[in-house]
């Protein structure tokens, strides 16, 4: 019985070491990969949007000052 336990205790670490996987999470690099990034163009807000944002900002400022 004692020798069976010793065999199991010797085999268990070997199985754990051999069962480990070497999975690489990053995809392989390709020759056509680009390293230059293009930022999207921003949009200029309309006067109505600017007025709405200013009204919200004024309401917020008024609420924290009171």
Protein backbone atom coordinates (compact mmCIF):
# COMPACT_ATOMS: atom_id res chain seq x y z
CA UNK A 1 0.00 0.00 0.00
CA UNK A 2 2.81 2.36 0.89
CA UNK A 3 4.66 1.66 -2.34
CA UNK A 4 1.50 2.43 -4.36
CA UNK A 5 1.27 5.83 -2.66
CA UNK A 6 4.92 6.52 -3.46
CA UNK A 7 4.42 5.56 -7.10
CA UNK A 8 1.44 7.89 -7.34
CA UNK A 9 3.41 10.71 -5.72
CA UNK A 10 6.21 10.24 -8.28
CA UNK A 11 3.91 9.93 -11.29
CA UNK A 12 1.66 12.88 -10.37
CA UNK A 13 4.33 15.64 -10.75
CA UNK A 14 5.53 14.08 -14.01
CA UNK A 15 1.99 14.11 -15.40
CA UNK A 16 1.47 17.71 -14.27
CA UNK A 17 4.69 18.83 -15.97
CA UNK A 18 3.92 17.00 -19.19
CA UNK A 19 0.29 18.15 -19.29
CA UNK A 20 1.21 21.85 -19.32
CA UNK A 21 0.50 23.54 -22.62
CA UNK A 22 2.44 26.22 -24.43
CA UNK A 23 -0.41 28.26 -25.91
CA UNK A 24 0.66 31.59 -27.45
CA UNK A 25 -2.11 34.19 -27.19
CA UNK A 26 -0.68 36.59 -29.75
CA UNK A 27 -1.28 35.92 -33.42
CA UNK A 28 1.71 35.46 -35.69
CA UNK A 29 3.12 38.57 -37.37
CA UNK A 30 2.55 38.90 -41.10
CA UNK A 31 4.57 40.78 -43.68
CA UNK A 32 1.67 43.05 -44.62
CA UNK A 33 1.05 44.27 -41.03
CA UNK A 34 0.95 48.04 -40.70
CA UNK A 35 2.53 49.96 -37.84
CA UNK A 36 1.14 53.37 -38.77
CA UNK A 37 -2.15 54.29 -37.17
CA UNK A 38 -4.52 56.88 -38.61
CA UNK A 39 -6.56 58.85 -36.10
CA UNK A 40 -10.17 59.53 -37.08
CA UNK A 41 -11.10 63.06 -38.08
CA UNK A 42 -13.05 64.99 -35.46
CA UNK A 43 -16.37 66.69 -36.16
CA UNK A 44 -17.03 70.37 -35.51
CA UNK A 45 -20.18 70.75 -33.37
CA UNK A 46 -23.07 72.79 -34.71
CA UNK A 47 -24.09 76.02 -32.94
CA UNK A 48 -27.15 74.23 -31.51
CA UNK A 49 -24.93 71.52 -29.99
CA UNK A 50 -22.58 74.15 -28.53
CA UNK A 51 -25.55 75.99 -26.98
CA UNK A 52 -26.92 72.73 -25.51
CA UNK A 53 -23.58 71.85 -23.95
CA UNK A 54 -23.21 75.36 -22.55
CA UNK A 55 -26.72 75.18 -21.05
CA UNK A 56 -25.95 71.86 -19.38
CA UNK A 57 -22.63 73.23 -18.10
CA UNK A 58 -24.35 76.35 -16.71
CA UNK A 59 -27.01 74.23 -14.98
CA UNK A 60 -24.30 72.07 -13.43
CA UNK A 61 -22.30 75.07 -12.23
CA UNK A 62 -25.45 76.61 -10.76
CA UNK A 63 -26.35 73.39 -8.91
CA UNK A 64 -22.94 73.00 -7.27
CA UNK A 65 -22.70 76.67 -6.25
CA UNK A 66 -25.99 76.62 -4.33
